[in-house]
Amino acid sequence: MEFRFPERIPCGIGFAPLTWHTHREKLEEVVLRHPLLFPGYRKGSVDFDSFGDVYREGEYYTDNWGCVWYNRIGGLEGQVVGHPLEDWAALENYEFPDVMTKSERGDRDWNSIRESIARQKERGELVVANGERLFDRLYFLRGFENLMMDFATDDPHLQVLIDRFTEHQLKLVNEYLKIGVDAVAFHTDIGAQNALMISPAKFRKYIKSMFMKLFRPIREAGAHVILSSDGRLIEIVDDLIECGVSVHDPQLRANTLDDIEKFYKGRLCANVDLDRQMWAFCTPEDIDAQVKEVVERLYMPEGGLMISASVWDANTPIENIDALCTALEKHVMSVRFAG
């Protein structure tokens, strides 16, 4: 993130509960064959049939914001179908969850958080705090179509909601900064497959100021901002840099390798999200070629490159999952920077 000639390219791979449920012991065998990617994994660590809240098929769940989730596919996160601010009339009396006691879906115990962070620091680990959701929380509260109309019509309630929401999130950020975390990670899906969900002009009018107010204090405290935001964000990369984002995870298919190279390389650390949309339809050779090209095109001895992979479906063959692990070990983990 700091372009200080790191020793290696950080990389990782994650699986959805659905993927574990589908492949079961076969997936566990793959994980056990790749201990560099999955250090410390022990056989039997994953319950293939245990799904948490919003992951259980056919169930409704209400989070601490009053958003109602429904799941149609077991093992994948559901979607919000009940929006507490669907009618703007509810805004005046709407109460945000208390950051001192509530997270999105559970309780927050700051004493336990402090103890956990202290243990991480003792082990020499990077301490990354969960800043939770930003833009996506807005459409969870309002409903996606309603929120898009709010942006399109410049509804005056929208800025009121964003201002209140920003102050709420800033309280969370400040608590983490008091403890002394190394980074704060936010989730804020704002891109679709081919463009932003809103225009760059609307982003700069409504969302950029929220990012600035939340991210700049983190950077000024000497910590980093990790932003996870799916879809095509090329048009606002300069804005993300200005706001203080330290690392973003551009999706390879949506943003293209050409544009990631053009807009990120040497400017903003890219945690490149490999093309998960191809895993079920390609060959192991295709996967190897993709990982190899990403490293060849984006590698710099100064740093600025991370690589992440996700298998989030039930259709990717186990052979392709193994090939993905092998390619990461071959082309990413084998690279040692010369700095």
C-alpha atoms as a PDB file:
ATOM      1  CA  MET A   1       0.000   0.000   0.000  1.00  0.00           C
ATOM      2  CA  GLU A   2       2.870   2.366   0.714  1.00  0.00           C
ATOM      3  CA  PHE A   3       5.033   1.470  -2.310  1.00  0.00           C
ATOM      4  CA  ARG A   4       8.031   0.700  -0.092  1.00  0.00           C
ATOM      5  CA  PHE A   5       9.396  -2.263  -2.080  1.00  0.00           C
ATOM      6  CA  PRO A   6       7.568  -5.072  -0.262  1.00  0.00           C
ATOM      7  CA  GLU A   7       9.052  -8.538  -0.235  1.00  0.00           C
ATOM      8  CA  ARG A   8       6.086 -10.278  -1.879  1.00  0.00           C
ATOM      9  CA  ILE A   9       2.752  -9.712  -3.599  1.00  0.00           C
ATOM     10  CA  PRO A  10      -0.052 -10.327  -1.075  1.00  0.00           C
ATOM     11  CA  CYS A  11      -2.758 -12.644  -2.398  1.00  0.00           C
ATOM     12  CA  GLY A  12      -5.670 -14.687  -1.140  1.00  0.00           C
ATOM     13  CA  ILE A  13      -8.657 -16.773  -2.168  1.00  0.00           C
ATOM     14  CA  GLY A  14     -12.091 -17.087  -0.598  1.00  0.00           C
ATOM     15  CA  PHE A  15     -15.055 -19.425  -0.964  1.00  0.00           C
ATOM     16  CA  ALA A  16     -18.751 -18.846  -0.379  1.00  0.00           C
ATOM     17  CA  PRO A  17     -20.607 -21.133   2.028  1.00  0.00           C
ATOM     18  CA  LEU A  18     -22.435 -22.373  -1.090  1.00  0.00           C
ATOM     19  CA  THR A  19     -19.126 -23.424  -2.653  1.00  0.00           C
ATOM     20  CA  TRP A  20     -18.105 -25.322   0.485  1.00  0.00           C
ATOM     21  CA  HIS A  21     -21.556 -26.919   0.644  1.00  0.00           C
ATOM     22  CA  THR A  22     -21.322 -28.050  -2.993  1.00  0.00           C
ATOM     23  CA  HIS A  23     -17.788 -29.459  -3.108  1.00  0.00           C
ATOM     24  CA  ARG A  24     -17.437 -30.449   0.547  1.00  0.00           C
ATOM     25  CA  GLU A  25     -14.496 -32.837   1.182  1.00  0.00           C
ATOM     26  CA  LYS A  26     -13.168 -32.307  -2.348  1.00  0.00           C
ATOM     27  CA  LEU A  27     -12.738 -28.597  -1.668  1.00  0.00           C
ATOM     28  CA  GLU A  28     -11.159 -29.336   1.690  1.00  0.00           C
ATOM     29  CA  GLU A  29      -8.638 -31.596  -0.051  1.00  0.00           C
ATOM     30  CA  VAL A  30      -7.726 -28.710  -2.360  1.00  0.00           C
ATOM     31  CA  VAL A  31      -7.272 -26.370   0.597  1.00  0.00           C
ATOM     32  CA  LEU A  32      -5.047 -28.880   2.371  1.00  0.00           C
ATOM     33  CA  ARG A  33      -2.892 -29.248  -0.769  1.00  0.00           C
ATOM     34  CA  HIS A  34      -2.153 -25.509  -0.753  1.00  0.00           C
ATOM     35  CA  PRO A  35      -0.930 -24.625   2.752  1.00  0.00           C
ATOM     36  CA  LEU A  36       0.815 -21.452   1.546  1.00  0.00           C
ATOM     37  CA  LEU A  37      -2.576 -20.008   0.600  1.00  0.00           C
ATOM     38  CA  PHE A  38      -4.426 -21.462   3.586  1.00  0.00           C
ATOM     39  CA  PRO A  39      -1.903 -21.484   6.453  1.00  0.00           C
ATOM     40  CA  GLY A  40      -3.042 -23.229   9.583  1.00  0.00           C
ATOM     41  CA  TYR A  41      -6.131 -24.825   8.042  1.00  0.00           C
ATOM     42  CA  ARG A  42      -7.111 -28.031   9.808  1.00  0.00           C
ATOM     43  CA  LYS A  43      -9.251 -30.820   8.405  1.00  0.00           C
ATOM     44  CA  GLY A  44     -12.813 -30.501   9.664  1.00  0.00           C
ATOM     45  CA  SER A  45     -12.535 -26.760  10.311  1.00  0.00           C
ATOM     46  CA  VAL A  46     -15.502 -25.960   8.058  1.00  0.00           C
ATOM     47  CA  ASP A  47     -19.056 -27.180   8.591  1.00  0.00           C
ATOM     48  CA  PHE A  48     -20.235 -27.720   5.012  1.00  0.00           C
ATOM     49  CA  ASP A  49     -23.911 -27.386   5.947  1.00  0.00           C
ATOM     50  CA  SER A  50     -23.870 -24.528   8.459  1.00  0.00           C
ATOM     51  CA  PHE A  51     -25.148 -21.210   7.064  1.00  0.00           C
ATOM     52  CA  GLY A  52     -25.331 -18.047   9.150  1.00  0.00           C
ATOM     53  CA  ASP A  53     -27.906 -15.240   9.170  1.00  0.00           C
ATOM     54  CA  VAL A  54     -28.977 -14.031   5.686  1.00  0.00           C
ATOM     55  CA  TYR A  55     -27.348 -17.146   4.180  1.00  0.00           C
ATOM     56  CA  ARG A  56     -30.157 -19.638   4.941  1.00  0.00           C
ATOM     57  CA  GLU A  57     -32.560 -20.316   2.089  1.00  0.00           C
ATOM     58  CA  GLY A  58     -36.151 -19.187   2.528  1.00  0.00           C
ATOM     59  CA  GLU A  59     -35.514 -17.138   5.668  1.00  0.00           C
ATOM     60  CA  TYR A  60     -36.152 -13.506   6.523  1.00  0.00           C
ATOM     61  CA  TYR A  61     -33.769 -11.628   8.793  1.00  0.00           C
ATOM     62  CA  THR A  62     -33.902  -8.065  10.158  1.00  0.00           C
ATOM     63  CA  ASP A  63     -30.552  -6.399  10.834  1.00  0.00           C
ATOM     64  CA  ASN A  64     -29.828  -3.695  13.381  1.00  0.00           C
ATOM     65  CA  TRP A  65     -30.631  -0.967  10.865  1.00  0.00           C
ATOM     66  CA  GLY A  66     -34.154  -2.307  10.416  1.00  0.00           C
ATOM     67  CA  CYS A  67     -33.392  -3.634   6.934  1.00  0.00           C
ATOM     68  CA  VAL A  68     -35.199  -6.893   6.173  1.00  0.00           C
ATOM     69  CA  TRP A  69     -33.176  -9.517   4.287  1.00  0.00           C
ATOM     70  CA  TYR A  70     -34.521 -12.496   2.350  1.00  0.00           C
ATOM     71  CA  ASN A  71     -32.550 -15.417   0.967  1.00  0.00           C
ATOM     72  CA  ARG A  72     -33.496 -17.455  -2.101  1.00  0.00           C
ATOM     73  CA  ILE A  73     -30.271 -19.476  -2.448  1.00  0.00           C
ATOM     74  CA  GLY A  74     -28.787 -21.182   0.589  1.00  0.00           C
ATOM     75  CA  GLY A  75     -25.117 -20.418   1.091  1.00  0.00           C
ATOM     76  CA  LEU A  76     -25.188 -17.016  -0.630  1.00  0.00           C
ATOM     77  CA  GLU A  77     -25.962 -13.755   1.108  1.00  0.00           C
ATOM     78  CA  GLY A  78     -29.577 -12.726   0.643  1.00  0.00           C
ATOM     79  CA  GLN A  79     -30.843  -9.331  -0.428  1.00  0.00           C
ATOM     80  CA  VAL A  80     -32.673  -6.510   1.330  1.00  0.00           C
ATOM     81  CA  VAL A  81     -36.411  -6.603   0.604  1.00  0.00           C
ATOM     82  CA  GLY A  82     -37.640  -4.387   3.429  1.00  0.00           C
ATOM     83  CA  HIS A  83     -36.391  -0.792   3.580  1.00  0.00           C
ATOM     84  CA  PRO A  84     -37.007   1.244   6.748  1.00  0.00           C
ATOM     85  CA  LEU A  85     -36.738   4.569   4.883  1.00  0.00           C
ATOM     86  CA  GLU A  86     -38.740   3.572   1.818  1.00  0.00           C
ATOM     87  CA  ASP A  87     -40.998   6.502   2.702  1.00  0.00           C
ATOM     88  CA  TRP A  88     -39.125   9.725   3.468  1.00  0.00           C
ATOM     89  CA  ALA A  89     -41.726  10.444   6.146  1.00  0.00           C
ATOM     90  CA  ALA A  90     -39.900   7.927   8.352  1.00  0.00           C
ATOM     91  CA  LEU A  91     -36.591   9.828   8.214  1.00  0.00           C
ATOM     92  CA  GLU A  92     -37.291  12.369  10.959  1.00  0.00           C
ATOM     93  CA  ASN A  93     -37.827   9.736  13.648  1.00  0.00           C
ATOM     94  CA  TYR A  94     -35.488   7.054  12.305  1.00  0.00           C
ATOM     95  CA  GLU A  95     -32.787   6.008  14.792  1.00  0.00           C
ATOM     96  CA  PHE A  96     -29.435   4.682  13.615  1.00  0.00           C
ATOM     97  CA  PRO A  97     -28.013   1.739  15.590  1.00  0.00           C
ATOM     98  CA  ASP A  98     -25.680   2.737  18.423  1.00  0.00           C
ATOM     99  CA  VAL A  99     -22.070   2.201  17.234  1.00  0.00           C
ATOM    100  CA  MET A 100     -21.033   1.548  20.820  1.00  0.00           C
ATOM    101  CA  THR A 101     -23.282  -1.491  21.179  1.00  0.00           C
ATOM    102  CA  LYS A 102     -24.440  -2.660  17.729  1.00  0.00           C
ATOM    103  CA  SER A 103     -22.795  -3.774  14.490  1.00  0.00           C
ATOM    104  CA  GLU A 104     -24.793  -4.438  11.329  1.00  0.00           C
ATOM    105  CA  ARG A 105     -26.042  -7.853  12.445  1.00  0.00           C
ATOM    106  CA  GLY A 106     -24.894  -8.330  16.011  1.00  0.00           C
ATOM    107  CA  ASP A 107     -23.674  -6.798  19.236  1.00  0.00           C
ATOM    108  CA  ARG A 108     -20.450  -4.792  19.484  1.00  0.00           C
ATOM    109  CA  ASP A 109     -18.326  -5.209  22.599  1.00  0.00           C
ATOM    110  CA  TRP A 110     -15.500  -2.659  22.571  1.00  0.00           C
ATOM    111  CA  ASN A 111     -13.669  -4.322  25.446  1.00  0.00           C
ATOM    112  CA  SER A 112     -13.493  -7.555  23.451  1.00  0.00           C
ATOM    113  CA  ILE A 113     -12.460  -5.602  20.351  1.00  0.00           C
ATOM    114  CA  ARG A 114      -9.612  -3.925  22.230  1.00  0.00           C
ATOM    115  CA  GLU A 115      -8.427  -7.251  23.627  1.00  0.00           C
ATOM    116  CA  SER A 116      -8.528  -8.869  20.180  1.00  0.00           C
ATOM    117  CA  ILE A 117      -6.575  -5.989  18.633  1.00  0.00           C
ATOM    118  CA  ALA A 118      -3.971  -6.171  21.418  1.00  0.00           C
ATOM    119  CA  ARG A 119      -3.454  -9.870  20.685  1.00  0.00           C
ATOM    120  CA  GLN A 120      -3.098  -9.152  16.968  1.00  0.00           C
ATOM    121  CA  LYS A 121      -0.461  -6.528  17.659  1.00  0.00           C
ATOM    122  CA  GLU A 122       1.430  -8.919  19.921  1.00  0.00           C
ATOM    123  CA  ARG A 123       1.565 -11.395  17.030  1.00  0.00           C
ATOM    124  CA  GLY A 124       2.811  -8.674  14.698  1.00  0.00           C
ATOM    125  CA  GLU A 125      -0.296  -8.804  12.511  1.00  0.00           C
ATOM    126  CA  LEU A 126      -1.838  -5.999  10.489  1.00  0.00           C
ATOM    127  CA  VAL A 127      -4.866  -4.737  12.422  1.00  0.00           C
ATOM    128  CA  VAL A 128      -7.762  -4.010  10.040  1.00  0.00           C
ATOM    129  CA  ALA A 129     -10.982  -2.624  11.519  1.00  0.00           C
ATOM    130  CA  ASN A 130     -14.388  -3.135   9.926  1.00  0.00           C
ATOM    131  CA  GLY A 131     -15.825   0.219   8.874  1.00  0.00           C
ATOM    132  CA  GLU A 132     -18.912  -1.560   7.488  1.00  0.00           C
ATOM    133  CA  ARG A 133     -21.020  -0.399   4.535  1.00  0.00           C
ATOM    134  CA  LEU A 134     -21.312   3.028   2.944  1.00  0.00           C
ATOM    135  CA  PHE A 135     -23.086   3.584  -0.396  1.00  0.00           C
ATOM    136  CA  ASP A 136     -24.826   0.219  -0.275  1.00  0.00           C
ATOM    137  CA  ARG A 137     -26.283   1.064   3.123  1.00  0.00           C
ATOM    138  CA  LEU A 138     -28.094   3.968   1.471  1.00  0.00           C
ATOM    139  CA  TYR A 139     -29.955   1.722  -0.957  1.00  0.00           C
ATOM    140  CA  PHE A 140     -30.576  -0.827   1.762  1.00  0.00           C
ATOM    141  CA  LEU A 141     -32.344   1.930   3.709  1.00  0.00           C
ATOM    142  CA  ARG A 142     -34.210   3.562   0.827  1.00  0.00           C
ATOM    143  CA  GLY A 143     -34.589   0.744  -1.696  1.00  0.00           C
ATOM    144  CA  PHE A 144     -32.500   0.750  -4.866  1.00  0.00           C
ATOM    145  CA  GLU A 145     -35.044   2.291  -7.241  1.00  0.00           C
ATOM    146  CA  ASN A 146     -36.010   4.940  -4.716  1.00  0.00           C
ATOM    147  CA  LEU A 147     -32.377   5.906  -4.178  1.00  0.00           C
ATOM    148  CA  MET A 148     -31.693   6.155  -7.901  1.00  0.00           C
ATOM    149  CA  MET A 149     -34.667   8.493  -8.236  1.00  0.00           C
ATOM    150  CA  ASP A 150     -33.381  10.522  -5.278  1.00  0.00           C
ATOM    151  CA  PHE A 151     -30.089  11.091  -7.107  1.00  0.00           C
ATOM    152  CA  ALA A 152     -31.823  11.806 -10.406  1.00  0.00           C
ATOM    153  CA  THR A 153     -34.213  14.379  -8.925  1.00  0.00           C
ATOM    154  CA  ASP A 154     -31.843  15.832  -6.304  1.00  0.00           C
ATOM    155  CA  ASP A 155     -34.381  15.113  -3.590  1.00  0.00           C
ATOM    156  CA  PRO A 156     -33.482  17.363  -0.618  1.00  0.00           C
ATOM    157  CA  HIS A 157     -34.002  14.493   1.842  1.00  0.00           C
ATOM    158  CA  LEU A 158     -31.043  12.678   0.304  1.00  0.00           C
ATOM    159  CA  GLN A 159     -28.420  15.102   1.570  1.00  0.00           C
ATOM    160  CA  VAL A 160     -30.012  15.050   5.027  1.00  0.00           C
ATOM    161  CA  LEU A 161     -29.722  11.259   5.125  1.00  0.00           C
ATOM    162  CA  ILE A 162     -26.135  11.284   3.852  1.00  0.00           C
ATOM    163  CA  ASP A 163     -25.074  13.906   6.399  1.00  0.00           C
ATOM    164  CA  ARG A 164     -26.616  11.997   9.294  1.00  0.00           C
ATOM    165  CA  PHE A 165     -25.178   8.728   8.033  1.00  0.00           C
ATOM    166  CA  THR A 166     -21.695  10.241   7.657  1.00  0.00           C
ATOM    167  CA  GLU A 167     -21.701  11.495  11.237  1.00  0.00           C
ATOM    168  CA  HIS A 168     -22.804   8.063  12.422  1.00  0.00           C
ATOM    169  CA  GLN A 169     -19.980   6.307  10.550  1.00  0.00           C
ATOM    170  CA  LEU A 170     -17.455   8.884  11.736  1.00  0.00           C
ATOM    171  CA  LYS A 171     -18.206   7.876  15.334  1.00  0.00           C
ATOM    172  CA  LEU A 172     -17.283   4.308  14.435  1.00  0.00           C
ATOM    173  CA  VAL A 173     -14.087   5.413  12.696  1.00  0.00           C
ATOM    174  CA  ASN A 174     -13.029   7.556  15.650  1.00  0.00           C
ATOM    175  CA  GLU A 175     -13.470   4.673  18.097  1.00  0.00           C
ATOM    176  CA  TYR A 176     -11.151   2.521  16.006  1.00  0.00           C
ATOM    177  CA  LEU A 177      -8.601   5.321  15.696  1.00  0.00           C
ATOM    178  CA  LYS A 178      -8.546   5.721  19.480  1.00  0.00           C
ATOM    179  CA  ILE A 179      -7.493   2.076  19.741  1.00  0.00           C
ATOM    180  CA  GLY A 180      -4.790   2.524  17.115  1.00  0.00           C
ATOM    181  CA  VAL A 181      -5.688   0.259  14.194  1.00  0.00           C
ATOM    182  CA  ASP A 182      -3.482  -0.004  11.098  1.00  0.00           C
ATOM    183  CA  ALA A 183      -6.333   0.279   8.602  1.00  0.00           C
ATOM    184  CA  VAL A 184     -10.105   0.613   8.336  1.00  0.00           C
ATOM    185  CA  ALA A 185     -11.899  -1.416   5.664  1.00  0.00           C
ATOM    186  CA  PHE A 186     -15.171  -0.299   4.099  1.00  0.00           C
ATOM    187  CA  HIS A 187     -17.635  -2.084   1.817  1.00  0.00           C
ATOM    188  CA  THR A 188     -19.400   0.183  -0.647  1.00  0.00           C
ATOM    189  CA  ASP A 189     -20.554  -1.401  -3.913  1.00  0.00           C
ATOM    190  CA  ILE A 190     -21.125   1.547  -6.211  1.00  0.00           C
ATOM    191  CA  GLY A 191     -20.310   0.113  -9.628  1.00  0.00           C
ATOM    192  CA  ALA A 192     -22.315  -1.997 -12.061  1.00  0.00           C
ATOM    193  CA  GLN A 193     -20.887  -4.189 -14.827  1.00  0.00           C
ATOM    194  CA  ASN A 194     -20.168  -1.363 -17.281  1.00  0.00           C
ATOM    195  CA  ALA A 195     -20.410   1.890 -15.313  1.00  0.00           C
ATOM    196  CA  LEU A 196     -21.130   3.477 -11.949  1.00  0.00           C
ATOM    197  CA  MET A 197     -24.643   3.067 -10.597  1.00  0.00           C
ATOM    198  CA  ILE A 198     -24.858   6.872 -10.560  1.00  0.00           C
ATOM    199  CA  SER A 199     -23.094   9.400 -12.768  1.00  0.00           C
ATOM    200  CA  PRO A 200     -19.624  10.648 -11.806  1.00  0.00           C
ATOM    201  CA  ALA A 201     -21.190  14.091 -11.350  1.00  0.00           C
ATOM    202  CA  LYS A 202     -23.709  12.755  -8.827  1.00  0.00           C
ATOM    203  CA  PHE A 203     -20.951  10.817  -7.070  1.00  0.00           C
ATOM    204  CA  ARG A 204     -18.933  14.011  -6.677  1.00  0.00           C
ATOM    205  CA  LYS A 205     -21.967  15.983  -5.526  1.00  0.00           C
ATOM    206  CA  TYR A 206     -23.248  13.551  -2.906  1.00  0.00           C
ATOM    207  CA  ILE A 207     -20.849  10.704  -2.088  1.00  0.00           C
ATOM    208  CA  LYS A 208     -17.355  12.139  -2.442  1.00  0.00           C
ATOM    209  CA  SER A 209     -17.796  14.496   0.507  1.00  0.00           C
ATOM    210  CA  MET A 210     -18.822  11.535   2.675  1.00  0.00           C
ATOM    211  CA  PHE A 211     -15.703   9.651   1.615  1.00  0.00           C
ATOM    212  CA  MET A 212     -13.530  12.674   2.348  1.00  0.00           C
ATOM    213  CA  LYS A 213     -14.980  13.163   5.833  1.00  0.00           C
ATOM    214  CA  LEU A 214     -14.506   9.497   6.706  1.00  0.00           C
ATOM    215  CA  PHE A 215     -11.230   8.676   4.968  1.00  0.00           C
ATOM    216  CA  ARG A 216      -9.066  11.747   5.536  1.00  0.00           C
ATOM    217  CA  PRO A 217      -9.056  11.451   9.372  1.00  0.00           C
ATOM    218  CA  ILE A 218      -7.910   7.852   8.997  1.00  0.00           C
ATOM    219  CA  ARG A 219      -4.990   8.860   6.790  1.00  0.00           C
ATOM    220  CA  GLU A 220      -4.127  11.822   9.021  1.00  0.00           C
ATOM    221  CA  ALA A 221      -3.930   9.396  11.951  1.00  0.00           C
ATOM    222  CA  GLY A 222      -1.338   7.364  10.057  1.00  0.00           C
ATOM    223  CA  ALA A 223      -3.689   4.497   9.211  1.00  0.00           C
ATOM    224  CA  HIS A 224      -4.902   3.253   5.831  1.00  0.00           C
ATOM    225  CA  VAL A 225      -8.236   3.054   4.028  1.00  0.00           C
ATOM    226  CA  ILE A 226      -9.139  -0.252   2.376  1.00  0.00           C
ATOM    227  CA  LEU A 227     -12.094   0.105   0.021  1.00  0.00           C
ATOM    228  CA  SER A 228     -13.997  -2.856  -1.398  1.00  0.00           C
ATOM    229  CA  SER A 229     -16.313  -1.706  -4.156  1.00  0.00           C
ATOM    230  CA  ASP A 230     -17.451  -3.940  -6.995  1.00  0.00           C
ATOM    231  CA  GLY A 231     -18.181  -2.983 -10.588  1.00  0.00           C
ATOM    232  CA  ARG A 232     -16.607  -0.449 -12.920  1.00  0.00           C
ATOM    233  CA  LEU A 233     -15.130   2.511 -11.032  1.00  0.00           C
ATOM    234  CA  ILE A 234     -12.531   3.727 -13.542  1.00  0.00           C
ATOM    235  CA  GLU A 235     -14.224   7.125 -13.901  1.00  0.00           C
ATOM    236  CA  ILE A 236     -13.685   7.972 -10.222  1.00  0.00           C
ATOM    237  CA  VAL A 237     -10.225   6.520  -9.508  1.00  0.00           C
ATOM    238  CA  ASP A 238      -8.758  10.028  -9.254  1.00  0.00           C
ATOM    239  CA  ASP A 239     -11.490  10.901  -6.754  1.00  0.00           C
ATOM    240  CA  LEU A 240     -10.728   7.823  -4.647  1.00  0.00           C
ATOM    241  CA  ILE A 241      -7.073   8.829  -4.520  1.00  0.00           C
ATOM    242  CA  GLU A 242      -8.004  12.369  -3.527  1.00  0.00           C
ATOM    243  CA  CYS A 243     -10.308  11.060  -0.776  1.00  0.00           C
ATOM    244  CA  GLY A 244      -7.448   9.067   0.714  1.00  0.00           C
ATOM    245  CA  VAL A 245      -8.148   5.490  -0.384  1.00  0.00           C
ATOM    246  CA  SER A 246      -5.022   3.374   0.132  1.00  0.00           C
ATOM    247  CA  VAL A 247      -6.120   0.234  -1.706  1.00  0.00           C
ATOM    248  CA  HIS A 248      -9.131  -0.641  -3.855  1.00  0.00           C
ATOM    249  CA  ASP A 249     -10.131  -4.012  -5.285  1.00  0.00           C
ATOM    250  CA  PRO A 250     -10.965  -3.378  -8.978  1.00  0.00           C
ATOM    251  CA  GLN A 251     -12.804  -6.288 -10.557  1.00  0.00           C
ATOM    252  CA  LEU A 252     -10.840  -7.468 -13.547  1.00  0.00           C
ATOM    253  CA  ARG A 253     -13.713  -8.037 -15.967  1.00  0.00           C
ATOM    254  CA  ALA A 254     -15.604  -4.854 -15.139  1.00  0.00           C
ATOM    255  CA  ASN A 255     -12.581  -2.539 -15.199  1.00  0.00           C
ATOM    256  CA  THR A 256     -10.376  -4.423 -17.743  1.00  0.00           C
ATOM    257  CA  LEU A 257      -6.687  -5.083 -17.304  1.00  0.00           C
ATOM    258  CA  ASP A 258      -5.830  -2.256 -19.727  1.00  0.00           C
ATOM    259  CA  ASP A 259      -7.651   0.335 -17.620  1.00  0.00           C
ATOM    260  CA  ILE A 260      -6.412  -1.024 -14.301  1.00  0.00           C
ATOM    261  CA  GLU A 261      -2.876  -0.708 -15.656  1.00  0.00           C
ATOM    262  CA  LYS A 262      -3.590   2.804 -16.938  1.00  0.00           C
ATOM    263  CA  PHE A 263      -5.400   4.258 -13.924  1.00  0.00           C
ATOM    264  CA  TYR A 264      -4.015   2.312 -10.934  1.00  0.00           C
ATOM    265  CA  LYS A 265      -0.446   1.266 -11.620  1.00  0.00           C
ATOM    266  CA  GLY A 266       1.952   3.392  -9.584  1.00  0.00           C
ATOM    267  CA  ARG A 267      -0.900   5.587  -8.326  1.00  0.00           C
ATOM    268  CA  LEU A 268      -3.257   3.526  -6.162  1.00  0.00           C
ATOM    269  CA  CYS A 269      -2.638   0.079  -4.741  1.00  0.00           C
ATOM    270  CA  ALA A 270      -4.855  -2.369  -6.632  1.00  0.00           C
ATOM    271  CA  ASN A 271      -6.040  -5.539  -4.939  1.00  0.00           C
ATOM    272  CA  VAL A 272      -7.048  -7.007  -8.294  1.00  0.00           C
ATOM    273  CA  ASP A 273     -10.197  -9.096  -8.046  1.00  0.00           C
ATOM    274  CA  LEU A 274      -9.692 -11.860 -10.607  1.00  0.00           C
ATOM    275  CA  ASP A 275     -12.473 -12.680 -13.059  1.00  0.00           C
ATOM    276  CA  ARG A 276     -14.749 -14.925 -11.007  1.00  0.00           C
ATOM    277  CA  GLN A 277     -17.368 -14.782 -13.771  1.00  0.00           C
ATOM    278  CA  MET A 278     -15.232 -17.071 -15.937  1.00  0.00           C
ATOM    279  CA  TRP A 279     -14.335 -19.800 -13.420  1.00  0.00           C
ATOM    280  CA  ALA A 280     -17.282 -22.051 -14.312  1.00  0.00           C
ATOM    281  CA  PHE A 281     -16.764 -21.761 -18.070  1.00  0.00           C
ATOM    282  CA  CYS A 282     -13.016 -21.846 -18.670  1.00  0.00           C
ATOM    283  CA  THR A 283     -10.138 -24.307 -18.585  1.00  0.00           C
ATOM    284  CA  PRO A 284      -7.332 -24.548 -16.028  1.00  0.00           C
ATOM    285  CA  GLU A 285      -5.029 -23.195 -18.743  1.00  0.00           C
ATOM    286  CA  ASP A 286      -7.216 -20.083 -19.075  1.00  0.00           C
ATOM    287  CA  ILE A 287      -6.926 -19.458 -15.347  1.00  0.00           C
ATOM    288  CA  ASP A 288      -3.153 -19.848 -15.381  1.00  0.00           C
ATOM    289  CA  ALA A 289      -2.887 -17.420 -18.299  1.00  0.00           C
ATOM    290  CA  GLN A 290      -5.031 -14.799 -16.590  1.00  0.00           C
ATOM    291  CA  VAL A 291      -3.067 -14.820 -13.328  1.00  0.00           C
ATOM    292  CA  LYS A 292       0.227 -14.745 -15.234  1.00  0.00           C
ATOM    293  CA  GLU A 293      -0.844 -11.746 -17.334  1.00  0.00           C
ATOM    294  CA  VAL A 294      -2.069  -9.770 -14.314  1.00  0.00           C
ATOM    295  CA  VAL A 295       1.306 -10.169 -12.610  1.00  0.00           C
ATOM    296  CA  GLU A 296       3.278  -9.396 -15.768  1.00  0.00           C
ATOM    297  CA  ARG A 297       1.268  -6.256 -16.537  1.00  0.00           C
ATOM    298  CA  LEU A 298       0.849  -4.800 -13.049  1.00  0.00           C
ATOM    299  CA  TYR A 299       3.970  -5.882 -11.168  1.00  0.00           C
ATOM    300  CA  MET A 300       6.281  -3.119  -9.952  1.00  0.00           C
ATOM    301  CA  PRO A 301       9.177  -3.684  -7.548  1.00  0.00           C
ATOM    302  CA  GLU A 302       7.914  -0.674  -5.576  1.00  0.00           C
ATOM    303  CA  GLY A 303       4.690  -2.530  -4.803  1.00  0.00           C
ATOM    304  CA  GLY A 304       1.125  -1.361  -5.339  1.00  0.00           C
ATOM    305  CA  LEU A 305      -0.234  -4.779  -6.295  1.00  0.00           C
ATOM    306  CA  MET A 306      -2.300  -7.329  -4.429  1.00  0.00           C
ATOM    307  CA  ILE A 307      -4.360 -10.129  -5.950  1.00  0.00           C
ATOM    308  CA  SER A 308      -7.543 -11.683  -4.634  1.00  0.00           C
ATOM    309  CA  ALA A 309      -9.709 -14.488  -5.964  1.00  0.00           C
ATOM    310  CA  SER A 310     -13.191 -15.615  -4.998  1.00  0.00           C
ATOM    311  CA  VAL A 311     -15.222 -18.658  -5.915  1.00  0.00           C
ATOM    312  CA  TRP A 312     -18.781 -17.724  -5.084  1.00  0.00           C
ATOM    313  CA  ASP A 313     -20.883 -20.242  -6.975  1.00  0.00           C
ATOM    314  CA  ALA A 314     -21.833 -23.923  -7.161  1.00  0.00           C
ATOM    315  CA  ASN A 315     -20.827 -24.488 -10.794  1.00  0.00           C
ATOM    316  CA  THR A 316     -17.059 -23.979 -10.848  1.00  0.00           C
ATOM    317  CA  PRO A 317     -15.407 -27.404 -11.299  1.00  0.00           C
ATOM    318  CA  ILE A 318     -13.128 -28.500  -8.495  1.00  0.00           C
ATOM    319  CA  GLU A 319     -10.341 -28.827 -11.097  1.00  0.00           C
ATOM    320  CA  ASN A 320     -10.602 -25.106 -11.815  1.00  0.00           C
ATOM    321  CA  ILE A 321     -10.480 -24.240  -8.129  1.00  0.00           C
ATOM    322  CA  ASP A 322      -7.313 -26.285  -7.783  1.00  0.00           C
ATOM    323  CA  ALA A 323      -5.904 -24.615 -10.905  1.00  0.00           C
ATOM    324  CA  LEU A 324      -6.641 -21.188  -9.408  1.00  0.00           C
ATOM    325  CA  CYS A 325      -4.733 -22.068  -6.241  1.00  0.00           C
ATOM    326  CA  THR A 326      -1.855 -23.463  -8.275  1.00  0.00           C
ATOM    327  CA  ALA A 327      -1.683 -20.366 -10.482  1.00  0.00           C
ATOM    328  CA  LEU A 328      -1.561 -18.042  -7.462  1.00  0.00           C
ATOM    329  CA  GLU A 329       1.283 -20.062  -5.956  1.00  0.00           C
ATOM    330  CA  LYS A 330       3.132 -20.241  -9.276  1.00  0.00           C
ATOM    331  CA  HIS A 331       2.830 -16.678 -10.546  1.00  0.00           C
ATOM    332  CA  VAL A 332       2.165 -14.594  -7.421  1.00  0.00           C
ATOM    333  CA  MET A 333       3.622 -16.227  -4.333  1.00  0.00           C
ATOM    334  CA  SER A 334       6.816 -17.136  -6.129  1.00  0.00           C
ATOM    335  CA  VAL A 335       7.587 -13.505  -6.967  1.00  0.00           C
ATOM    336  CA  ARG A 336      10.154 -11.888  -4.692  1.00  0.00           C
ATOM    337  CA  PHE A 337      10.680  -8.167  -5.154  1.00  0.00           C
ATOM    338  CA  ALA A 338      14.220  -6.997  -5.705  1.00  0.00           C
ATOM    339  CA  GLY A 339      13.976  -3.784  -3.718  1.00  0.00           C
END
